[in-house]
Amino acid sequence: MKVAIFCDYLHSFGGTEYYNATLAMELKKRGIDVRVFICEKTQNSYWIDRLADCGIKTYEPARNRIDRDDRSVDYEFVDSFIDEFVSWSPDVIHASPAANLLKAFLAHKKAPKVPIVATEHTTPCADSAFWYPDDFKKLLSNVSCFVATCRTSAKGIKDFHGYSGPVKIVPHFIRPPVYKKATRIPYSVGCIARMSPEKGIGVLLVAWKMVVAAIPAAKLYLYGDGRVKSYFERLAFSLGLQNSVVFAGTYDPRDGAGAIAGRHDIFVQPSLFESIPTSLIELGMLGKPIVATNVGGIRELVRRDTGILVQSGSTDKLARAIVKLLSSKELQKAFAANIQKSVGNRYDLDKAVNTIIGVYRSVI
């Protein structure tokens, strides 16, 4: 079997990149001829290097995109690899997500007819509608099967997008994280999120001002990077939070959340819309108490007995939940035990990858 993975970018450490790189490496381990096509020129070579270590060929544009709205780079990129693509003749394209690269590919006059599987990485809804191009319905008609990582995303694919084809729910590709030795930081809260608006970091920072008013010793550690990191740094400074908020950067994705889990009492996920974040699943496996927003598939992981769910965008409710959990060791212990038991064996990497391969066979 030959599988072409289409991804729009592969230079940060978010869940989508983790998913695509892990998928490619696991397919390769099973003897599948897999190649990865990346729409944005890579700024960080981390994942490219990991794929190269596994003998996986990657393709990316020759130049960087200067204007985010200028999609001419996409069409130039497809034109640069289309002859080799046709000669290679893959059995299936896995678009993860179905977005800019797939759109440019389908528009090329030499594009061969290949079955397409697409993974949806968020929950299609009114809040996330701006992520999809105006002609997204046209893309949908070319997709043979959608993969959703949770029930809520699967429902959004059918109800919001109006997709009438098959939708297969396949849990995230998760390598069980292991605790790394770390010194606990008292009254500290961790947040693992890409630095982009939809992750709700701005809401969290405003809420944090209320948290430190109630617990002066509290510290917030933000793990992640992204295009609006400098804005969040300025926001934290303008709120007078420079002594209680730490922009802690990134950590090696191979270590997972286990690299930092031992440092903090609780973790928070303030997203405005989501499917189920990879980091939350890892934290659940590690038995960490969680405060999260009630969006997307998060409610399938964090329930009343496993954490605290709050309304997205509400700074006061988020602040009260953080203060409540941070102030109660008993509640932290109860949530930790319950979420670890709840997650249990729900995320089996081998089973998930084998299910994906079964999807490929069905569309071929």
Protein backbone atom coordinates (compact mmCIF):
# COMPACT_ATOMS: atom_id res chain seq x y z
CA MET A 1 0.00 0.00 0.00
CA LYS A 2 1.14 3.56 -0.78
CA VAL A 3 -0.17 6.44 1.37
CA ALA A 4 0.31 10.17 0.74
CA ILE A 5 -0.22 12.27 3.86
CA PHE A 6 -1.22 15.87 3.11
CA CYS A 7 -0.74 18.34 5.97
CA ASP A 8 -0.85 22.13 5.93
CA TYR A 9 2.12 22.58 8.28
CA LEU A 10 4.50 20.49 10.37
CA HIS A 11 6.72 22.92 12.26
CA SER A 12 5.08 23.30 15.68
CA PHE A 13 4.40 20.92 18.55
CA GLY A 14 0.60 20.87 18.54
CA GLY A 15 -1.68 17.87 18.52
CA THR A 16 -2.27 17.98 14.75
CA GLU A 17 1.45 17.79 14.01
CA TYR A 18 1.88 15.03 16.60
CA TYR A 19 -0.97 13.12 14.93
CA ASN A 20 0.42 13.42 11.39
CA ALA A 21 4.01 12.57 12.27
CA THR A 22 2.97 9.64 14.46
CA LEU A 23 0.66 8.32 11.75
CA ALA A 24 3.45 8.46 9.15
CA MET A 25 5.97 6.72 11.42
CA GLU A 26 3.51 3.99 12.46
CA LEU A 27 2.53 3.31 8.84
CA LYS A 28 6.20 3.02 7.92
CA LYS A 29 6.76 0.53 10.75
CA ARG A 30 4.05 -1.65 9.22
CA GLY A 31 5.81 -1.76 5.84
CA ILE A 32 3.59 0.83 4.14
CA ASP A 33 5.18 3.18 1.58
CA VAL A 34 4.28 6.58 3.07
CA ARG A 35 5.30 10.07 1.99
CA VAL A 36 4.43 13.37 3.67
CA PHE A 37 3.51 16.54 1.74
CA ILE A 38 3.65 19.77 3.78
CA CYS A 39 1.93 22.91 2.50
CA GLU A 40 3.86 25.46 4.63
CA LYS A 41 7.65 25.64 4.35
CA THR A 42 8.95 24.21 7.61
CA GLN A 43 10.37 26.74 10.09
CA ASN A 44 11.30 24.15 12.72
CA SER A 45 12.86 20.92 11.44
CA TYR A 46 11.97 18.79 14.48
CA TRP A 47 9.32 16.61 12.82
CA ILE A 48 11.13 16.57 9.46
CA ASP A 49 14.18 15.18 11.25
CA ARG A 50 12.11 12.52 13.06
CA LEU A 51 10.53 11.42 9.77
CA ALA A 52 13.92 11.35 8.05
CA ASP A 53 15.24 9.12 10.86
CA CYS A 54 12.49 6.65 9.89
CA GLY A 55 13.33 6.85 6.17
CA ILE A 56 10.16 8.77 5.29
CA LYS A 57 10.37 11.14 2.33
CA THR A 58 8.91 14.62 2.82
CA TYR A 59 8.03 17.41 0.41
CA GLU A 60 7.62 21.12 1.16
CA PRO A 61 7.46 24.43 -0.78
CA ALA A 62 10.62 26.11 -1.99
CA ARG A 63 9.68 29.47 -0.45
CA ASN A 64 8.04 30.85 2.65
CA ARG A 65 4.60 32.42 2.56
CA ILE A 66 4.88 36.18 3.14
CA ASP A 67 1.15 36.92 3.26
CA ARG A 68 -1.08 34.36 5.00
CA ASP A 69 -3.86 35.12 2.52
CA ASP A 70 -1.63 34.53 -0.50
CA ARG A 71 -2.32 30.94 -1.51
CA SER A 72 -0.20 31.04 -4.69
CA VAL A 73 2.53 29.15 -2.83
CA ASP A 74 0.13 26.19 -2.48
CA TYR A 75 -0.40 25.92 -6.23
CA GLU A 76 3.34 26.35 -6.94
CA PHE A 77 4.07 23.58 -4.46
CA VAL A 78 1.60 21.13 -6.03
CA ASP A 79 3.03 21.93 -9.45
CA SER A 80 6.53 21.12 -8.13
CA PHE A 81 5.66 17.57 -7.05
CA ILE A 82 2.74 16.55 -9.27
CA ASP A 83 4.78 14.65 -11.88
CA GLU A 84 6.59 12.63 -9.21
CA PHE A 85 3.27 12.06 -7.43
CA VAL A 86 1.67 10.69 -10.59
CA SER A 87 4.67 8.44 -11.23
CA TRP A 88 4.64 7.15 -7.63
CA SER A 89 0.87 6.47 -7.91
CA PRO A 90 -0.31 6.30 -4.28
CA ASP A 91 -3.33 4.18 -3.37
CA VAL A 92 -4.83 6.75 -1.01
CA ILE A 93 -4.42 10.35 0.16
CA HIS A 94 -4.86 11.08 3.85
CA ALA A 95 -5.58 14.81 4.17
CA SER A 96 -5.05 15.88 7.75
CA PRO A 97 -6.85 18.23 7.70
CA ALA A 98 -8.84 18.65 4.47
CA ALA A 99 -7.71 22.18 3.79
CA ASN A 100 -5.35 24.29 1.70
CA LEU A 101 -3.05 21.61 0.29
CA LEU A 102 -5.92 19.32 -0.70
CA LYS A 103 -7.72 22.25 -2.31
CA ALA A 104 -4.67 23.18 -4.40
CA PHE A 105 -4.05 19.55 -5.36
CA LEU A 106 -7.60 18.97 -6.58
CA ALA A 107 -7.41 22.15 -8.68
CA HIS A 108 -4.32 20.95 -10.58
CA LYS A 109 -5.06 19.74 -14.11
CA LYS A 110 -2.72 16.75 -13.70
CA ALA A 111 -4.14 15.61 -10.35
CA PRO A 112 -4.98 11.89 -10.59
CA LYS A 113 -8.17 10.43 -9.15
CA VAL A 114 -7.13 8.99 -5.78
CA PRO A 115 -9.38 7.96 -2.86
CA ILE A 116 -9.21 10.57 -0.09
CA VAL A 117 -9.47 10.05 3.67
CA ALA A 118 -9.59 13.20 5.79
CA THR A 119 -9.12 13.73 9.53
CA GLU A 120 -11.08 16.52 11.22
CA HIS A 121 -8.98 18.00 14.03
CA THR A 122 -11.58 20.25 15.63
CA THR A 123 -15.35 20.26 16.09
CA PRO A 124 -17.15 21.84 13.10
CA CYS A 125 -19.58 24.39 14.55
CA ALA A 126 -20.49 28.07 14.33
CA ASP A 127 -17.51 29.04 16.52
CA SER A 128 -15.00 27.29 14.26
CA ALA A 129 -16.69 28.16 10.94
CA PHE A 130 -14.08 30.80 10.03
CA TRP A 131 -11.45 28.05 9.74
CA TYR A 132 -13.07 26.61 6.64
CA PRO A 133 -12.78 28.17 3.17
CA ASP A 134 -15.91 29.49 1.47
CA ASP A 135 -15.88 26.62 -1.02
CA PHE A 136 -15.35 23.91 1.61
CA LYS A 137 -18.47 22.07 0.44
CA LYS A 138 -16.64 21.40 -2.83
CA LEU A 139 -13.78 19.76 -0.93
CA LEU A 140 -16.25 17.58 0.96
CA SER A 141 -17.56 16.05 -2.23
CA ASN A 142 -14.09 14.63 -2.95
CA VAL A 143 -13.59 12.98 0.45
CA SER A 144 -14.31 9.24 0.51
CA CYS A 145 -14.36 8.96 4.31
CA PHE A 146 -13.87 11.31 7.26
CA VAL A 147 -12.03 10.36 10.44
CA ALA A 148 -13.09 12.05 13.69
CA THR A 149 -11.17 11.79 16.96
CA CYS A 150 -14.29 12.03 19.14
CA ARG A 151 -18.08 11.69 18.96
CA THR A 152 -18.69 15.45 19.05
CA SER A 153 -16.45 16.07 16.04
CA ALA A 154 -18.16 13.26 14.14
CA LYS A 155 -21.54 14.87 14.81
CA GLY A 156 -20.22 18.26 13.62
CA ILE A 157 -18.94 16.74 10.36
CA LYS A 158 -22.41 15.43 9.59
CA ASP A 159 -24.64 18.15 11.07
CA PHE A 160 -22.60 21.33 10.52
CA HIS A 161 -20.76 20.42 7.32
CA GLY A 162 -23.65 18.37 5.97
CA TYR A 163 -21.31 15.54 4.97
CA SER A 164 -23.28 12.47 3.90
CA GLY A 165 -20.42 10.02 3.48
CA PRO A 166 -19.01 7.61 6.08
CA VAL A 167 -17.48 9.04 9.26
CA LYS A 168 -15.25 6.78 11.34
CA ILE A 169 -14.41 7.65 14.96
CA VAL A 170 -10.79 6.72 15.62
CA PRO A 171 -9.24 7.91 18.92
CA HIS A 172 -6.08 10.02 18.93
CA PHE A 173 -2.71 8.36 18.37
CA ILE A 174 -1.29 8.49 21.90
CA ARG A 175 1.97 7.01 23.10
CA PRO A 176 1.43 6.44 26.85
CA PRO A 177 3.37 9.22 28.62
CA VAL A 178 5.74 8.48 31.48
CA TYR A 179 6.45 10.82 34.38
CA LYS A 180 9.85 12.46 34.14
CA LYS A 181 11.58 13.43 37.36
CA ALA A 182 10.62 17.01 38.21
CA THR A 183 10.60 19.32 41.20
CA ARG A 184 7.05 20.31 42.19
CA ILE A 185 6.33 24.04 42.11
CA PRO A 186 3.83 24.85 44.91
CA TYR A 187 0.52 26.45 43.90
CA SER A 188 1.39 26.18 40.23
CA VAL A 189 -0.92 25.65 37.28
CA GLY A 190 0.20 24.35 33.88
CA CYS A 191 -1.40 25.03 30.51
CA ILE A 192 -0.30 23.23 27.34
CA ALA A 193 -1.57 25.00 24.23
CA ARG A 194 -0.52 26.43 20.91
CA MET A 195 -0.25 30.22 21.10
CA SER A 196 -3.19 31.03 18.84
CA PRO A 197 -6.47 32.84 19.57
CA GLU A 198 -8.79 29.81 19.58
CA LYS A 199 -6.87 28.25 22.48
CA GLY A 200 -8.30 30.86 24.87
CA ILE A 201 -4.97 31.99 26.35
CA GLY A 202 -6.20 35.60 26.44
CA VAL A 203 -9.25 34.54 28.48
CA LEU A 204 -6.98 32.59 30.83
CA LEU A 205 -4.68 35.57 31.39
CA VAL A 206 -7.57 37.85 32.33
CA ALA A 207 -8.90 35.12 34.64
CA TRP A 208 -5.44 34.69 36.15
CA LYS A 209 -5.51 38.24 37.51
CA MET A 210 -8.49 37.12 39.64
CA VAL A 211 -6.69 33.91 40.66
CA VAL A 212 -3.64 35.71 42.05
CA ALA A 213 -5.93 38.14 43.89
CA ALA A 214 -7.31 35.09 45.76
CA ILE A 215 -4.05 33.09 45.93
CA PRO A 216 -1.07 35.49 45.77
CA ALA A 217 1.46 32.62 45.63
CA ALA A 218 -0.15 31.08 42.51
CA LYS A 219 1.97 30.75 39.35
CA LEU A 220 0.83 30.00 35.80
CA TYR A 221 3.15 28.19 33.39
CA LEU A 222 2.23 28.38 29.70
CA TYR A 223 3.76 25.67 27.50
CA GLY A 224 3.61 26.31 23.77
CA ASP A 225 4.56 28.59 20.93
CA GLY A 226 2.78 30.23 18.01
CA ARG A 227 2.16 33.26 15.89
CA VAL A 228 0.52 35.39 18.61
CA LYS A 229 2.82 34.54 21.50
CA SER A 230 4.18 38.10 21.61
CA TYR A 231 0.63 39.44 21.93
CA PHE A 232 -0.04 37.22 24.95
CA GLU A 233 3.27 38.28 26.50
CA ARG A 234 2.26 41.93 26.14
CA LEU A 235 -1.21 41.17 27.52
CA ALA A 236 0.30 39.50 30.60
CA PHE A 237 2.55 42.52 31.13
CA SER A 238 -0.32 45.01 30.73
CA LEU A 239 -2.32 43.05 33.34
CA GLY A 240 0.58 43.27 35.77
CA LEU A 241 1.12 39.49 35.72
CA GLN A 242 4.82 39.41 34.83
CA ASN A 243 5.69 37.94 38.26
CA SER A 244 3.03 35.22 38.24
CA VAL A 245 2.96 34.06 34.59
CA VAL A 246 5.82 32.14 32.98
CA PHE A 247 6.00 31.57 29.22
CA ALA A 248 7.81 28.25 29.54
CA GLY A 249 8.26 27.41 25.85
CA THR A 250 7.97 23.89 24.45
CA TYR A 251 9.17 20.44 25.41
CA ASP A 252 10.11 17.35 23.38
CA PRO A 253 6.83 15.83 22.09
CA ARG A 254 8.37 12.37 22.41
CA ASP A 255 8.27 12.83 26.19
CA GLY A 256 4.65 14.00 26.07
CA ALA A 257 3.02 15.71 29.01
CA GLY A 258 5.06 13.47 31.32
CA ALA A 259 7.96 15.87 30.80
CA ILE A 260 6.22 18.56 32.87
CA ALA A 261 3.31 16.89 34.68
CA GLY A 262 5.20 16.49 37.96
CA ARG A 263 5.93 20.21 38.23
CA HIS A 264 2.35 21.40 38.69
CA ASP A 265 -0.59 20.73 41.01
CA ILE A 266 -3.26 21.14 38.31
CA PHE A 267 -3.62 21.88 34.60
CA VAL A 268 -6.03 24.14 32.72
CA GLN A 269 -7.32 24.07 29.13
CA PRO A 270 -9.22 27.30 28.24
CA SER A 271 -9.97 26.57 24.54
CA LEU A 272 -12.80 28.37 22.73
CA PHE A 273 -13.40 25.33 20.50
CA GLU A 274 -11.74 21.91 20.27
CA SER A 275 -12.04 18.24 19.55
CA ILE A 276 -10.07 16.53 22.35
CA PRO A 277 -6.56 18.01 22.85
CA THR A 278 -3.76 15.44 22.83
CA SER A 279 -2.26 17.01 25.94
CA LEU A 280 -5.48 16.54 27.94
CA ILE A 281 -5.56 12.85 27.10
CA GLU A 282 -1.94 12.49 28.21
CA LEU A 283 -2.63 14.42 31.41
CA GLY A 284 -5.61 12.18 32.09
CA MET A 285 -3.43 9.09 31.64
CA LEU A 286 -0.97 10.61 34.12
CA GLY A 287 -3.75 11.31 36.64
CA LYS A 288 -3.53 15.11 36.70
CA PRO A 289 -6.47 17.25 37.95
CA ILE A 290 -7.91 19.38 35.14
CA VAL A 291 -10.00 22.53 34.68
CA ALA A 292 -11.23 22.83 31.09
CA THR A 293 -13.84 24.57 28.99
CA ASN A 294 -16.98 22.69 28.03
CA VAL A 295 -16.35 22.65 24.27
CA GLY A 296 -16.09 19.99 21.59
CA GLY A 297 -15.09 16.56 22.77
CA ILE A 298 -13.49 17.76 26.01
CA ARG A 299 -16.72 16.84 27.81
CA GLU A 300 -16.16 13.25 26.68
CA LEU A 301 -12.96 13.20 28.76
CA VAL A 302 -13.53 15.67 31.61
CA ARG A 303 -16.76 15.00 33.48
CA ARG A 304 -18.17 16.02 36.85
CA ASP A 305 -16.19 13.32 38.67
CA THR A 306 -12.94 13.68 36.70
CA GLY A 307 -12.41 17.47 36.61
CA ILE A 308 -14.12 20.83 36.39
CA LEU A 309 -15.78 22.04 33.18
CA VAL A 310 -16.57 25.73 32.72
CA GLN A 311 -18.23 27.85 30.06
CA SER A 312 -15.77 28.95 27.37
CA GLY A 313 -14.93 32.65 27.30
CA SER A 314 -16.01 33.25 30.91
CA THR A 315 -13.10 34.73 32.83
CA ASP A 316 -14.84 34.75 36.22
CA LYS A 317 -16.05 31.13 36.01
CA LEU A 318 -12.62 29.99 34.87
CA ALA A 319 -10.95 31.88 37.73
CA ARG A 320 -13.34 30.48 40.35
CA ALA A 321 -12.77 26.92 39.11
CA ILE A 322 -8.98 27.28 39.20
CA VAL A 323 -9.08 28.75 42.73
CA LYS A 324 -11.43 25.98 43.91
CA LEU A 325 -9.23 23.15 42.59
CA LEU A 326 -5.91 24.76 43.47
CA SER A 327 -7.13 25.25 47.06
CA SER A 328 -8.28 21.67 47.68
CA LYS A 329 -5.81 18.78 47.85
CA GLU A 330 -8.69 16.40 48.53
CA LEU A 331 -10.47 17.41 45.32
CA GLN A 332 -7.22 17.17 43.37
CA LYS A 333 -6.65 13.61 44.60
CA ALA A 334 -10.22 12.54 43.80
CA PHE A 335 -10.15 13.97 40.27
CA ALA A 336 -6.67 12.53 39.63
CA ALA A 337 -7.75 8.99 40.57
CA ASN A 338 -11.04 9.20 38.67
CA ILE A 339 -9.68 10.57 35.39
CA GLN A 340 -6.82 8.09 35.30
CA LYS A 341 -9.27 5.25 35.85
CA SER A 342 -11.69 6.69 33.27
CA VAL A 343 -9.09 7.09 30.52
CA GLY A 344 -7.72 3.62 31.24
CA ASN A 345 -7.18 1.71 28.01
CA ARG A 346 -9.36 3.92 25.80
CA TYR A 347 -6.33 5.04 23.78
CA ASP A 348 -4.51 2.12 22.16
CA LEU A 349 -2.01 3.29 19.52
CA ASP A 350 -1.76 -0.03 17.66
CA LYS A 351 -5.53 -0.46 17.53
CA ALA A 352 -6.05 3.11 16.28
CA VAL A 353 -3.45 2.82 13.49
CA ASN A 354 -4.78 -0.56 12.41
CA THR A 355 -8.28 0.92 12.26
CA ILE A 356 -7.00 3.72 10.01
CA ILE A 357 -5.41 1.14 7.71
CA GLY A 358 -8.78 -0.60 7.58
CA VAL A 359 -10.34 2.71 6.49
CA TYR A 360 -7.74 2.97 3.70
CA ARG A 361 -8.62 -0.52 2.49
CA SER A 362 -12.33 0.26 2.50
CA VAL A 363 -11.99 3.38 0.33
CA ILE A 364 -9.47 1.75 -2.03
